[in-house]
Each structure stands twice: as C-alpha cells, then as structure tokens.
Amino acid sequence: MRVEVVLAWPERCLRRELVVAEGCTVAEAVAEAALETGGGVLALAVHGQLVRPQQRLREGDRIELLRPLLADPKENRRRRARAGD
C-alpha cells in the first residue's frame, strides 16, 4: 500500500512516498522514510490527527512529523493585543 511521510518547515518540506506492507505501523514507515529530522520530532500525526507510533497505517495515509513550536501562540496573541493598545 502507498503512504507518504512529510516533515515541513515554514520555507521548505521533505516528503517521501513509500510502498509498505499491509499492517505497517507509523513508526516502521517513519524509519523506512529515513528523513533527516535533526532530532526535532516531537509528535506524529496522520492526516492532522495525533497518533501513536504503533498505529497501523491504511492506504493513502499521510504521516506528519511534528516539530516543537518556535513560539507560544498564546503569547504571540498577547503581544499583538498589547501592541494594538
């Protein structure tokens, strides 16, 4: 079955399409994709939903490697609100 593994930054994206066996897990597909993450993967998602590494994949799944946030969204909103005063 075909799946895709994606790691994105604001200015670029790494992407691998794979053909994996039925019953393949998220962790197995990520390992097979061998994307250079720089050790910065915090979580995994399939089609935008957080998943565990042992979750089984289905045909057409897109695995997203999620990096830590560079800035706290709540703090950014507070800063913009203060700047607007």
Protein backbone atom coordinates (compact mmCIF):
# COMPACT_ATOMS: atom_id res chain seq x y z
CA MET A 1 0.00 0.00 0.00
CA ARG A 2 1.13 3.57 -0.61
CA VAL A 3 1.73 6.08 2.20
CA GLU A 4 3.53 9.41 2.48
CA VAL A 5 5.84 10.76 5.21
CA VAL A 6 6.20 14.55 5.49
CA LEU A 7 8.36 16.93 7.54
CA ALA A 8 7.72 20.63 6.92
CA TRP A 9 9.31 23.92 7.91
CA PRO A 10 7.96 27.39 7.03
CA GLU A 11 10.25 27.63 3.99
CA ARG A 12 10.71 24.01 2.87
CA CYS A 13 9.37 20.47 3.05
CA LEU A 14 10.82 16.95 2.99
CA ARG A 15 8.50 14.32 1.61
CA ARG A 16 8.81 10.61 0.86
CA GLU A 17 6.24 8.39 -0.81
CA LEU A 18 6.59 4.75 0.23
CA VAL A 19 5.11 1.41 -0.69
CA VAL A 20 4.76 -0.53 2.57
CA ALA A 21 3.33 -3.90 3.55
CA GLU A 22 -0.20 -4.32 4.94
CA GLY A 23 -0.08 -3.92 8.71
CA CYS A 24 2.84 -1.48 8.64
CA THR A 25 2.96 0.88 11.63
CA VAL A 26 3.59 4.62 11.71
CA ALA A 27 6.99 4.02 13.36
CA GLU A 28 8.02 1.50 10.69
CA ALA A 29 7.09 3.87 7.86
CA VAL A 30 8.93 6.79 9.51
CA ALA A 31 12.04 4.61 9.89
CA GLU A 32 11.80 3.46 6.26
CA ALA A 33 11.41 7.05 5.02
CA ALA A 34 14.73 7.95 6.71
CA LEU A 35 14.08 11.70 6.62
CA GLU A 36 16.79 13.85 8.23
CA THR A 37 14.85 15.37 11.13
CA GLY A 38 17.72 16.84 13.11
CA GLY A 39 16.24 15.15 16.18
CA GLY A 40 13.46 17.70 16.37
CA VAL A 41 10.36 15.50 16.02
CA LEU A 42 8.02 15.99 18.97
CA ALA A 43 4.96 14.04 17.82
CA LEU A 44 3.40 12.14 14.93
CA ALA A 45 0.13 12.73 13.11
CA VAL A 46 -1.80 11.02 10.33
CA HIS A 47 -3.86 13.46 8.27
CA GLY A 48 -3.52 16.05 11.06
CA GLN A 49 -4.63 13.80 13.93
CA LEU A 50 -2.10 12.86 16.62
CA VAL A 51 -1.25 9.15 16.62
CA ARG A 52 0.93 6.69 18.47
CA PRO A 53 3.93 5.15 16.70
CA GLN A 54 2.37 1.67 16.88
CA GLN A 55 -0.78 2.70 14.99
CA ARG A 56 -1.35 0.64 11.83
CA LEU A 57 -1.48 2.51 8.54
CA ARG A 58 -4.08 2.43 5.77
CA GLU A 59 -3.73 3.02 2.04
CA GLY A 60 -3.11 6.69 1.26
CA ASP A 61 -2.22 7.78 4.82
CA ARG A 62 -0.03 10.87 5.16
CA ILE A 63 2.24 10.74 8.22
CA GLU A 64 3.30 14.15 9.51
CA LEU A 65 6.39 14.54 11.67
CA LEU A 66 5.57 17.37 14.07
CA ARG A 67 8.29 19.69 15.35
CA PRO A 68 8.22 21.75 18.56
CA LEU A 69 6.63 25.18 18.24
CA LEU A 70 9.13 28.03 17.92
CA ALA A 71 6.81 30.43 19.75
CA ASP A 72 3.84 30.02 22.08
CA PRO A 73 0.69 31.00 20.10
CA LYS A 74 -0.99 32.37 23.25
CA GLU A 75 1.98 34.61 24.00
CA ASN A 76 2.02 35.83 20.39
CA ARG A 77 -1.67 36.83 20.67
CA ARG A 78 -0.98 38.64 23.97
CA ARG A 79 1.93 40.52 22.41
CA ARG A 80 -0.19 41.56 19.40
CA ALA A 81 -3.02 42.68 21.71
CA ARG A 82 -0.61 44.81 23.78
CA ALA A 83 0.87 46.34 20.62
CA GLY A 84 -2.63 47.30 19.45
CA ASP A 85 -3.30 49.40 22.59
